[in-house]
Amino acid sequence: MSVTDFTATSASPVKEAADIARRAFRDGRTRSYAWRQAQLNGLLRFVDECENDIVAAIESDLGRSEMATFMADVGPVRHEIRHTLDKLNGWMKPTSVPLSAATAPGRAFTVPEPKGVVLVLGTWNFPLLLTLQPLVSALAAGNTAVVKPSDLADATGRVIAEKLPRYVDSDAVRVVLGDGMVNRELLKLPFDHTFFTGSTKVGKAVMAASAEHLTPVTLELGGKSPAIVASDADIDVAARRIAWAKSINAGQTCIAPDYVLVEESVRPRLVARLLEELPTHAAADTTHIVNRHHLDRLTGLLRTHGGETYGGEANPETLALTPALVTDPDLDSELMREEIFGPILPLISVPSIADAIEFVTDRPKPLALYLFTESRSVEDAVIGQTSSGAVGVNHLLYQLLVPELPFGGVGDSGLGRYHGKHGFDTFSHHKAVLRKPTRLDVAATYPPYGAVMRRVLRKVMG
């Protein structure tokens, strides 16, 4: 069995899972193209053949509909696997680099080699996507992995644990189930790379624990991603797309718009359109808040922000929260200091785009920044003067679906990047190799140097 499920008082299965993955890596099987290709094809068959089980599990965990799960979890994972299979042979090849006069003759190149045993700590809001997508990159790079799905999406975690080992090398991919105490036990072990998706607070703890073994980390976190609406924007389109993006997964999306900054001249129209669009898009999404704790946290944010609230009715029995537009909240409120991760959208008006840029740069760097404008100069100013993991111009979320684009944060919103070749590189060590010929081993190139050779060396090395 490659499934490990245990209480937090029993740490031995954690080490056993890591040890089995370590032995599988050390026997050398993972380095071949054929093995990596087989694992990726196995992942693809798992997603294809178990789609109904995955859909049912995510509906049980989050209440999400079949089509929403296809769009958010199943489709993107399939696309990532197929893209990786198409490109993998080329990614694995050595890459030549030029030599200078000082180091010629010879050949210099880098060789991508697997790091070893990778720990993947998944999360609950997109429990297939954010658990398997990093695994795609880890296996493509020739690593073995210990995979820990989130216990907050327990049904999905059990589908992964029970069915995935039938499709991949079950010694090389070990699935461990359990709660946060299990995560802490895993983090005590010396992995070769740790990949974590979750909150900034927990990400800091993951990084601190990984530092004990000098384990490199990729931290996919979140933060408060702004949507800036310029006065020249198409307001109808901006409102529709912002409302759509905020409603997906009941707002429980790390790259959802966390708040809106709008130029004062178009604020009234944007507010009116958002009040029309938010309920419409929310009605099409069946996802509920993940649990009562998070629902209580969200309703608490709605009681303490100091602004004006439209909507935001909670139903504790169904874990539902209707979308809420909050205008002019207190900027020191928890609503404006913490990532919301729910269907609450604060809106703040600013005199100009320059003020919007200043507002963003005064705060921690977000995972995503969105801008609605028809002006290239406004676009250039916002992109050039702000820092974020990604920028979306005139739409939201779609940057996640481009495998050639790196996905990752900066500062408080994350560390490292993945997707496509960027994921392959994250889980690879690019080893430097210099090959020199043994012929023409001229004695004058060794010390002590004569006057002529000193001049030559100063010229070619200076």
Protein backbone atom coordinates (compact mmCIF):
# COMPACT_ATOMS: atom_id res chain seq x y z
CA MET A 1 0.00 0.00 0.00
CA SER A 2 1.20 3.55 -0.66
CA VAL A 3 -1.58 5.08 1.42
CA THR A 4 -0.74 6.03 4.97
CA ASP A 5 -3.49 7.17 7.32
CA PHE A 6 -2.83 7.57 11.01
CA THR A 7 -3.42 9.63 14.10
CA ALA A 8 -1.02 12.37 15.08
CA THR A 9 0.37 10.24 17.92
CA SER A 10 1.89 7.74 15.49
CA ALA A 11 4.80 9.30 13.63
CA SER A 12 6.44 6.12 12.30
CA PRO A 13 4.27 5.79 9.15
CA VAL A 14 5.42 9.25 8.12
CA LYS A 15 9.06 8.24 8.20
CA GLU A 16 8.24 4.93 6.55
CA ALA A 17 6.59 6.72 3.64
CA ALA A 18 9.62 8.99 3.21
CA ASP A 19 12.05 6.08 3.49
CA ILE A 20 10.25 4.06 0.81
CA ALA A 21 10.26 7.07 -1.52
CA ARG A 22 13.97 7.59 -0.75
CA ARG A 23 14.83 3.99 -1.64
CA ALA A 24 12.88 4.27 -4.88
CA PHE A 25 14.83 7.38 -5.82
CA ARG A 26 18.21 5.90 -4.94
CA ASP A 27 17.75 2.82 -7.10
CA GLY A 28 17.93 5.12 -10.12
CA ARG A 29 14.63 4.24 -11.79
CA THR A 30 13.31 7.82 -11.87
CA ARG A 31 16.06 9.26 -14.05
CA SER A 32 14.93 7.80 -17.37
CA TYR A 33 12.59 9.51 -19.76
CA ALA A 34 10.55 6.30 -20.00
CA TRP A 35 9.84 6.23 -16.25
CA ARG A 36 8.86 9.89 -16.13
CA GLN A 37 6.63 9.52 -19.17
CA ALA A 38 4.95 6.49 -17.60
CA GLN A 39 4.19 8.40 -14.39
CA LEU A 40 2.68 11.33 -16.28
CA ASN A 41 0.56 9.02 -18.41
CA GLY A 42 -0.53 7.30 -15.20
CA LEU A 43 -1.56 10.63 -13.69
CA LEU A 44 -3.54 11.39 -16.82
CA ARG A 45 -5.33 8.05 -16.67
CA PHE A 46 -6.08 8.64 -12.98
CA VAL A 47 -7.75 11.95 -13.77
CA ASP A 48 -9.61 10.54 -16.77
CA GLU A 49 -10.82 7.29 -15.23
CA CYS A 50 -11.54 8.65 -11.75
CA GLU A 51 -13.16 11.92 -12.80
CA ASN A 52 -16.58 10.89 -11.47
CA ASP A 53 -15.09 9.96 -8.10
CA ILE A 54 -13.16 13.23 -7.99
CA VAL A 55 -16.26 15.26 -8.84
CA ALA A 56 -18.31 13.49 -6.16
CA ALA A 57 -15.58 13.97 -3.56
CA ILE A 58 -15.18 17.70 -4.26
CA GLU A 59 -18.96 18.11 -4.15
CA SER A 60 -18.92 16.42 -0.73
CA ASP A 61 -16.07 18.61 0.51
CA LEU A 62 -17.09 21.97 -0.96
CA GLY A 63 -20.52 21.61 -2.55
CA ARG A 64 -19.05 22.50 -5.93
CA SER A 65 -20.85 21.45 -9.13
CA GLU A 66 -19.53 19.00 -11.72
CA MET A 67 -18.82 21.64 -14.36
CA ALA A 68 -17.17 23.98 -11.88
CA THR A 69 -14.87 21.15 -10.77
CA PHE A 70 -14.02 20.35 -14.37
CA MET A 71 -13.14 23.99 -15.05
CA ALA A 72 -11.19 24.53 -11.83
CA ASP A 73 -9.53 21.20 -11.07
CA VAL A 74 -9.85 18.49 -13.69
CA GLY A 75 -9.33 20.46 -16.91
CA PRO A 76 -6.25 22.43 -15.77
CA VAL A 77 -4.53 19.30 -14.41
CA ARG A 78 -5.16 17.47 -17.69
CA HIS A 79 -3.78 20.40 -19.65
CA GLU A 80 -0.67 20.61 -17.45
CA ILE A 81 0.06 16.89 -17.86
CA ARG A 82 -0.39 16.97 -21.63
CA HIS A 83 1.76 20.08 -22.00
CA THR A 84 4.47 18.48 -19.88
CA LEU A 85 4.38 15.21 -21.84
CA ASP A 86 4.72 17.18 -25.08
CA LYS A 87 7.74 19.18 -23.89
CA LEU A 88 9.49 16.86 -21.43
CA ASN A 89 12.01 15.26 -23.79
CA GLY A 90 13.36 18.68 -24.71
CA TRP A 91 13.43 19.91 -21.11
CA MET A 92 15.58 16.94 -20.07
CA LYS A 93 18.35 17.65 -22.58
CA PRO A 94 21.56 19.43 -21.53
CA THR A 95 21.74 23.12 -22.32
CA SER A 96 24.98 24.44 -23.78
CA VAL A 97 26.39 27.78 -22.67
CA PRO A 98 29.09 29.80 -24.47
CA LEU A 99 32.70 29.89 -23.32
CA SER A 100 34.78 33.04 -23.05
CA ALA A 101 38.33 33.36 -24.33
CA ALA A 102 39.55 32.72 -20.79
CA THR A 103 37.88 29.31 -20.54
CA ALA A 104 38.09 28.07 -24.16
CA PRO A 105 38.58 25.53 -25.62
CA GLY A 106 36.01 23.15 -24.29
CA ARG A 107 32.29 22.75 -23.86
CA ALA A 108 30.14 24.10 -21.03
CA PHE A 109 26.62 22.92 -20.37
CA THR A 110 24.04 22.37 -17.66
CA VAL A 111 22.37 19.04 -16.94
CA PRO A 112 18.96 19.01 -15.23
CA GLU A 113 18.95 16.33 -12.56
CA PRO A 114 16.21 15.43 -10.04
CA LYS A 115 16.59 16.80 -6.55
CA GLY A 116 15.46 13.63 -4.80
CA VAL A 117 12.42 13.16 -2.57
CA VAL A 118 9.87 15.96 -2.72
CA LEU A 119 7.21 16.78 -0.11
CA VAL A 120 3.96 18.17 -1.54
CA LEU A 121 1.60 19.70 1.03
CA GLY A 122 -1.72 20.24 -0.75
CA THR A 123 -4.56 22.54 0.17
CA TRP A 124 -8.34 22.29 0.29
CA ASN A 125 -9.84 24.99 -1.91
CA PHE A 126 -8.83 23.32 -5.18
CA PRO A 127 -7.95 19.95 -3.71
CA LEU A 128 -7.06 18.14 -6.93
CA LEU A 129 -5.41 20.99 -8.82
CA LEU A 130 -3.21 22.25 -6.00
CA THR A 131 -2.14 18.76 -4.97
CA LEU A 132 -1.52 17.11 -8.34
CA GLN A 133 -0.21 20.04 -10.39
CA PRO A 134 3.02 20.33 -8.38
CA LEU A 135 3.29 16.53 -8.47
CA VAL A 136 3.23 16.70 -12.28
CA SER A 137 6.32 18.91 -12.21
CA ALA A 138 8.05 16.86 -9.51
CA LEU A 139 7.65 13.58 -11.43
CA ALA A 140 8.57 15.19 -14.74
CA ALA A 141 11.84 16.28 -13.15
CA GLY A 142 12.51 12.68 -12.02
CA ASN A 143 11.80 12.97 -8.32
CA THR A 144 9.90 10.72 -5.97
CA ALA A 145 7.30 12.33 -3.72
CA VAL A 146 5.42 12.16 -0.47
CA VAL A 147 2.02 13.77 -1.06
CA LYS A 148 -0.12 15.08 1.81
CA PRO A 149 -3.61 16.23 0.75
CA SER A 150 -5.46 18.67 3.01
CA ASP A 151 -7.62 17.13 5.71
CA LEU A 152 -10.17 19.94 5.18
CA ALA A 153 -11.01 18.29 1.85
CA ASP A 154 -11.08 14.82 3.36
CA ALA A 155 -13.19 13.11 0.70
CA THR A 156 -10.93 14.29 -2.11
CA GLY A 157 -7.85 13.33 -0.13
CA ARG A 158 -9.16 9.80 0.25
CA VAL A 159 -9.85 9.47 -3.47
CA ILE A 160 -6.26 10.51 -4.18
CA ALA A 161 -4.90 8.19 -1.50
CA GLU A 162 -6.94 5.15 -2.48
CA LYS A 163 -6.86 5.39 -6.27
CA LEU A 164 -3.73 7.26 -7.37
CA PRO A 165 -1.30 4.44 -6.36
CA ARG A 166 -2.95 2.18 -8.94
CA TYR A 167 -1.80 4.47 -11.74
CA VAL A 168 1.76 5.46 -10.75
CA ASP A 169 4.83 3.85 -9.23
CA SER A 170 3.46 3.30 -5.72
CA ASP A 171 6.91 3.22 -4.13
CA ALA A 172 7.87 6.51 -5.74
CA VAL A 173 4.60 8.32 -4.90
CA ARG A 174 3.52 7.89 -1.30
CA VAL A 175 0.22 9.42 -0.16
CA VAL A 176 -0.15 10.33 3.51
CA LEU A 177 -3.42 11.36 5.16
CA GLY A 178 -3.87 13.20 8.44
CA ASP A 179 -4.25 16.60 10.05
CA GLY A 180 -1.92 19.51 10.73
CA MET A 181 0.06 17.51 13.29
CA VAL A 182 0.95 15.08 10.51
CA ASN A 183 2.21 18.01 8.44
CA ARG A 184 4.48 18.98 11.31
CA GLU A 185 5.83 15.44 11.57
CA LEU A 186 6.56 15.45 7.85
CA LEU A 187 8.38 18.76 8.12
CA LYS A 188 10.78 17.27 10.64
CA LEU A 189 12.16 14.97 7.94
CA PRO A 190 15.00 15.88 5.52
CA PHE A 191 13.26 16.20 2.16
CA ASP A 192 15.06 17.52 -0.91
CA HIS A 193 12.34 20.05 -1.73
CA THR A 194 9.12 21.08 0.01
CA PHE A 195 6.18 22.48 -1.92
CA PHE A 196 3.45 24.14 0.17
CA THR A 197 0.22 25.85 -0.80
CA GLY A 198 -1.65 27.76 1.90
CA SER A 199 -1.63 30.87 4.04
CA THR A 200 1.30 33.22 4.58
CA LYS A 201 1.28 32.46 8.31
CA VAL A 202 1.60 28.71 7.82
CA GLY A 203 4.04 29.26 4.94
CA LYS A 204 6.43 30.98 7.34
CA ALA A 205 6.23 27.97 9.67
CA VAL A 206 6.92 25.61 6.74
CA MET A 207 9.95 27.66 5.76
CA ALA A 208 11.27 27.74 9.33
CA ALA A 209 10.90 23.96 9.70
CA SER A 210 12.52 23.34 6.30
CA ALA A 211 15.48 25.52 7.28
CA GLU A 212 16.49 22.94 9.88
CA HIS A 213 17.54 20.66 7.00
CA LEU A 214 18.34 23.44 4.50
CA THR A 215 15.47 22.07 2.42
CA PRO A 216 14.58 24.42 -0.45
CA VAL A 217 10.95 25.46 -0.48
CA THR A 218 8.30 26.63 -2.88
CA LEU A 219 5.61 28.55 -1.03
CA GLU A 220 2.42 29.31 -2.91
CA LEU A 221 0.63 31.68 -0.55
CA GLY A 222 -1.85 34.44 -1.29
CA GLY A 223 -2.44 37.88 0.13
CA LYS A 224 -4.69 40.72 -0.92
CA SER A 225 -4.85 40.83 -4.70
CA PRO A 226 -6.21 44.20 -5.91
CA ALA A 227 -8.33 44.96 -8.95
CA ILE A 228 -7.72 48.49 -10.24
CA VAL A 229 -10.43 50.02 -12.41
CA ALA A 230 -9.34 53.09 -14.38
CA SER A 231 -11.72 55.80 -15.51
CA ASP A 232 -11.34 54.72 -19.15
CA ALA A 233 -12.22 51.07 -18.45
CA ASP A 234 -15.24 49.32 -19.92
CA ILE A 235 -17.22 49.38 -16.66
CA ASP A 236 -19.78 46.80 -17.71
CA VAL A 237 -17.08 44.28 -18.62
CA ALA A 238 -15.02 45.10 -15.53
CA ALA A 239 -17.96 44.57 -13.18
CA ARG A 240 -18.99 41.33 -14.86
CA ARG A 241 -15.49 39.86 -14.81
CA ILE A 242 -14.68 40.98 -11.26
CA ALA A 243 -17.97 39.54 -9.99
CA TRP A 244 -17.35 36.29 -11.87
CA ALA A 245 -13.82 35.91 -10.48
CA LYS A 246 -14.92 36.75 -6.94
CA SER A 247 -17.79 34.24 -7.08
CA ILE A 248 -15.79 31.22 -8.24
CA ASN A 249 -15.43 28.70 -5.40
CA ALA A 250 -17.33 31.12 -3.15
CA GLY A 251 -14.36 33.45 -3.23
CA GLN A 252 -12.08 30.79 -1.75
CA THR A 253 -9.40 31.30 -4.39
CA CYS A 254 -5.87 32.56 -3.76
CA ILE A 255 -5.86 34.68 -6.92
CA ALA A 256 -9.40 36.04 -6.50
CA PRO A 257 -9.71 39.83 -6.44
CA ASP A 258 -9.48 40.71 -2.75
CA TYR A 259 -10.47 44.37 -3.09
CA VAL A 260 -11.21 46.95 -5.78
CA LEU A 261 -9.59 50.34 -6.28
CA VAL A 262 -11.63 52.52 -8.63
CA GLU A 263 -11.07 56.02 -9.90
CA GLU A 264 -13.62 58.33 -8.28
CA SER A 265 -15.16 59.50 -11.56
CA VAL A 266 -16.51 56.02 -12.39
CA ARG A 267 -17.15 54.75 -8.87
CA PRO A 268 -20.98 55.21 -8.86
CA ARG A 269 -21.42 53.27 -12.09
CA LEU A 270 -19.06 50.46 -11.00
CA VAL A 271 -20.82 50.08 -7.64
CA ALA A 272 -24.21 49.90 -9.36
CA ARG A 273 -23.01 47.30 -11.84
CA LEU A 274 -21.28 45.18 -9.17
CA LEU A 275 -24.49 45.12 -7.13
CA GLU A 276 -26.20 43.64 -10.19
CA GLU A 277 -23.45 41.22 -11.21
CA LEU A 278 -22.36 39.77 -7.86
CA PRO A 279 -25.66 38.01 -7.03
CA THR A 280 -25.99 36.77 -10.62
CA HIS A 281 -22.61 35.05 -10.65
CA ALA A 282 -22.91 33.81 -7.08
CA ALA A 283 -26.17 32.09 -7.97
CA ALA A 284 -24.31 30.03 -10.58
CA ASP A 285 -21.77 28.75 -8.05
CA THR A 286 -22.88 26.06 -5.60
CA THR A 287 -19.69 26.04 -3.54
CA HIS A 288 -20.15 26.60 0.19
CA ILE A 289 -17.69 27.95 2.75
CA VAL A 290 -15.42 25.09 3.72
CA ASN A 291 -16.45 24.86 7.39
CA ARG A 292 -18.13 26.71 10.25
CA HIS A 293 -14.87 28.17 11.52
CA HIS A 294 -14.22 29.94 8.22
CA LEU A 295 -17.84 31.07 7.95
CA ASP A 296 -17.64 32.61 11.43
CA ARG A 297 -14.38 34.31 10.47
CA LEU A 298 -16.01 35.85 7.40
CA THR A 299 -19.11 37.05 9.23
CA GLY A 300 -16.78 38.57 11.83
CA LEU A 301 -15.06 40.55 9.08
CA LEU A 302 -18.44 41.90 8.02
CA ARG A 303 -19.18 43.21 11.53
CA THR A 304 -15.98 45.17 12.07
CA HIS A 305 -14.95 46.93 8.86
CA GLY A 306 -16.52 50.34 9.47
CA GLY A 307 -17.85 50.75 5.92
CA GLU A 308 -21.21 50.12 4.26
CA THR A 309 -22.23 46.53 3.46
CA TYR A 310 -24.50 45.36 0.66
CA GLY A 311 -25.44 41.67 0.97
CA GLY A 312 -23.50 39.21 3.08
CA GLU A 313 -26.26 37.07 4.59
CA ALA A 314 -24.95 33.89 6.22
CA ASN A 315 -26.64 30.51 6.65
CA PRO A 316 -24.72 28.46 9.24
CA GLU A 317 -26.68 25.29 8.43
CA THR A 318 -25.67 25.24 4.76
CA LEU A 319 -22.35 27.09 5.26
CA ALA A 320 -23.53 29.63 2.70
CA LEU A 321 -22.65 33.31 2.52
CA THR A 322 -24.22 35.57 -0.09
CA PRO A 323 -21.77 37.93 -1.82
CA ALA A 324 -21.11 41.17 0.01
CA LEU A 325 -19.91 44.45 -1.47
CA VAL A 326 -18.32 46.64 1.19
CA THR A 327 -17.73 50.27 0.28
CA ASP A 328 -15.24 52.54 2.04
CA PRO A 329 -14.08 50.14 4.78
CA ASP A 330 -11.70 51.30 7.49
CA LEU A 331 -8.25 50.71 6.01
CA ASP A 332 -6.98 49.51 9.38
CA SER A 333 -9.78 46.97 9.77
CA GLU A 334 -9.08 43.26 9.62
CA LEU A 335 -11.05 43.17 6.38
CA MET A 336 -8.35 45.31 4.76
CA ARG A 337 -5.37 43.76 6.55
CA GLU A 338 -6.00 40.02 6.11
CA GLU A 339 -6.68 37.92 3.02
CA ILE A 340 -10.47 37.52 2.86
CA PHE A 341 -10.78 34.13 1.13
CA GLY A 342 -14.53 34.39 0.77
CA PRO A 343 -17.29 36.21 -1.19
CA ILE A 344 -16.68 39.65 0.35
CA LEU A 345 -15.46 42.44 -1.93
CA PRO A 346 -14.27 45.75 -0.45
CA LEU A 347 -14.31 48.75 -2.79
CA ILE A 348 -12.28 51.92 -2.29
CA SER A 349 -12.25 54.96 -4.55
CA VAL A 350 -9.03 56.82 -5.37
CA PRO A 351 -8.50 60.17 -7.10
CA SER A 352 -6.18 58.79 -9.77
CA ILE A 353 -4.24 55.79 -11.02
CA ALA A 354 -1.14 57.24 -9.36
CA ASP A 355 -3.00 57.04 -6.03
CA ALA A 356 -4.00 53.44 -6.78
CA ILE A 357 -0.37 52.56 -7.47
CA GLU A 358 0.70 54.20 -4.20
CA PHE A 359 -2.04 52.31 -2.32
CA VAL A 360 -0.79 48.97 -3.66
CA THR A 361 2.91 49.66 -3.16
CA ASP A 362 2.33 50.71 0.47
CA ARG A 363 1.12 47.17 1.23
CA PRO A 364 2.58 43.66 1.03
CA LYS A 365 3.11 42.39 -2.50
CA PRO A 366 0.08 40.46 -3.79
CA LEU A 367 -0.06 37.15 -5.63
CA ALA A 368 -2.02 38.77 -8.46
CA LEU A 369 -2.88 42.29 -9.56
CA TYR A 370 -5.69 43.05 -11.98
CA LEU A 371 -6.14 46.18 -14.06
CA PHE A 372 -9.03 47.34 -16.21
CA THR A 373 -8.07 50.05 -18.68
CA GLU A 374 -8.07 50.80 -22.40
CA SER A 375 -4.88 52.85 -22.11
CA ARG A 376 -1.46 51.37 -22.82
CA SER A 377 0.20 54.16 -20.83
CA VAL A 378 -1.90 53.32 -17.76
CA GLU A 379 -1.10 49.63 -18.24
CA ASP A 380 2.63 50.37 -18.51
CA ALA A 381 2.53 52.58 -15.41
CA VAL A 382 0.78 49.98 -13.25
CA ILE A 383 2.92 47.07 -14.46
CA GLY A 384 6.12 49.09 -14.17
CA GLN A 385 5.50 50.65 -10.76
CA THR A 386 3.94 47.77 -8.81
CA SER A 387 5.20 44.33 -7.81
CA SER A 388 3.04 41.20 -7.78
CA GLY A 389 3.25 37.54 -8.67
CA ALA A 390 1.29 38.16 -11.88
CA VAL A 391 -0.74 40.85 -13.62
CA GLY A 392 -4.00 40.38 -15.49
CA VAL A 393 -5.11 43.20 -17.77
CA ASN A 394 -8.85 43.38 -18.50
CA HIS A 395 -9.52 39.90 -17.14
CA LEU A 396 -8.90 37.84 -14.03
CA LEU A 397 -7.67 34.32 -13.14
CA TYR A 398 -6.81 33.24 -16.67
CA GLN A 399 -3.07 33.74 -16.12
CA LEU A 400 -3.24 30.52 -14.09
CA LEU A 401 -4.12 28.55 -17.23
CA VAL A 402 -1.08 29.48 -19.35
CA PRO A 403 1.54 26.78 -18.69
CA GLU A 404 4.30 28.85 -20.25
CA LEU A 405 3.75 31.56 -17.63
CA PRO A 406 5.32 31.04 -14.20
CA PHE A 407 2.88 30.86 -11.31
CA GLY A 408 4.08 32.08 -7.95
CA GLY A 409 4.15 34.96 -5.54
CA VAL A 410 6.63 37.53 -4.36
CA GLY A 411 7.29 38.69 -0.81
CA ASP A 412 4.43 37.77 1.51
CA SER A 413 2.50 36.17 -1.37
CA GLY A 414 4.99 33.41 -1.97
CA LEU A 415 8.41 32.12 -2.86
CA GLY A 416 9.31 30.22 -6.02
CA ARG A 417 7.30 29.40 -9.10
CA TYR A 418 5.96 26.48 -11.10
CA HIS A 419 3.78 25.44 -14.08
CA GLY A 420 5.25 24.08 -17.30
CA LYS A 421 9.01 24.44 -17.74
CA HIS A 422 9.12 26.63 -14.63
CA GLY A 423 7.85 23.71 -12.54
CA PHE A 424 10.35 21.32 -14.13
CA ASP A 425 13.14 23.77 -13.27
CA THR A 426 11.87 24.22 -9.70
CA PHE A 427 12.18 20.50 -8.98
CA SER A 428 15.48 20.09 -10.85
CA HIS A 429 19.06 20.85 -9.94
CA HIS A 430 20.75 22.33 -13.00
CA LYS A 431 24.23 20.90 -12.63
CA ALA A 432 27.06 22.84 -14.26
CA VAL A 433 29.52 20.82 -16.36
CA LEU A 434 32.70 22.02 -18.09
CA ARG A 435 34.52 19.58 -20.37
CA LYS A 436 38.07 20.47 -21.41
CA PRO A 437 40.29 18.68 -23.96
CA THR A 438 43.58 17.15 -22.80
CA ARG A 439 45.41 18.13 -25.98
CA LEU A 440 47.28 21.42 -26.27
CA ASP A 441 48.18 21.41 -22.58
CA VAL A 442 50.56 24.35 -22.91
CA ALA A 443 53.06 24.70 -20.05
CA ALA A 444 52.95 28.50 -20.29
CA THR A 445 49.37 28.48 -19.02
CA TYR A 446 50.56 27.32 -15.58
CA PRO A 447 52.39 29.46 -13.02
CA PRO A 448 54.88 30.90 -12.68
CA TYR A 449 53.76 33.10 -15.57
CA GLY A 450 56.11 34.86 -17.87
CA ALA A 451 55.70 38.48 -18.89
CA VAL A 452 53.89 37.64 -22.13
CA MET A 453 51.49 35.23 -20.44
CA ARG A 454 50.75 37.77 -17.70
CA ARG A 455 49.71 40.27 -20.36
CA VAL A 456 47.59 37.66 -22.11
CA LEU A 457 45.84 36.62 -18.88
CA ARG A 458 45.12 40.21 -17.93
CA LYS A 459 43.57 40.80 -21.33
CA VAL A 460 41.38 37.71 -21.55
CA MET A 461 40.35 37.58 -17.88
CA GLY A 462 40.04 41.29 -17.12
